[in-house]
Amino acid sequence: MSRLLPCIALMLATTSPAYAKDVFTGTWKGDIKESELSTKPSVALIENGFYTCSTCIPVVKIAADGALHPVTGHAYYDAMSVTVVDPAIVKYATSKGGKPMSDATATLSADNSSISTVFNDTSAPNGIPITGTTISERVAAGPSGSHAASGSWLQTNQTQVSDSGLVFTFAKTGKVVTYSTPTGTSYVATTGGPSVAVVGDAGWTTVSLRQSDLNTLHETDYLDGKVIGKYVMTISPDGKKMTMDVNDIKYGKTSTLIAYRQ
């Protein structure tokens, strides 16, 4: 699902979970600058007229000719286009069922050591977009002769995301937890109970919750019955800060996300 961080032009997750007890009830906003993002890079290749995303699951390989090409196995899109504008700029777009899902423009720095991607994620069923700019640093170059956008990239804390991708709300009555976001994702789950349906997110179909103490909630996310992510969420003693230890099982990434009570 796109929580806290959109899957930026297919890449970014974002992610945020659920909470329990009165200390969790309220509206929260993720703080990217204070978060510890994954140290596992994204890897892409633009070479010989083709684009390959080897860290996408499943791998994406299409002609980089500006046309939409069908792709399979991705929850948020079933077609993608890649347009090489010039040696420093590449444009991406996705769609699903003929409806635009996202678009992004990636621009390399003068020394090719970083890449800035302006994105617009319109995949939310309620039509509210998530926008922003991701800043990634190069950790490895692509093969000789490939486009400069090729290589391995790590997203940095300089990334900026609209409030629609950072804000989430929890409410708890007894053991019942309600979660919602501005983009229309929601669920109502019982701590210690069975997994329940998630509404409004094609990449995250069910969720289950477990509470280990008054300040800590554990969330497990599923896609079509398969575990894709686990979260351990802890509220600070003053009740103002939420720390989320994220295990993104699907993509093999871990991170620590910080959110503050609004």
Foldseek 3Di string as FASTA:
>chain_A
DAAQWGCFLPNDDDDDDWDEDPLQFAKKFWQLLPKFWWPFWWFWFAAPQWIWGVLDVVIDIDGQPQDWDADDDDQQFGTKHWHDPDLFKIKIWGHHPPHTAKIKIWGADPVLQKIKIWMWGQSWPVRDIKTWIWIWGAPFADDPPIRSVGHIIDTDSVTDIDRQRTMKGWDYDQQWIWIAGPSGWIDIAGAVDDWDAIPGDRQWGTKYWHAPDNFWIKMFTDHPRHTQKIWIWGADPVSFKIWIWIQGRNSRTTIIIIMTGD
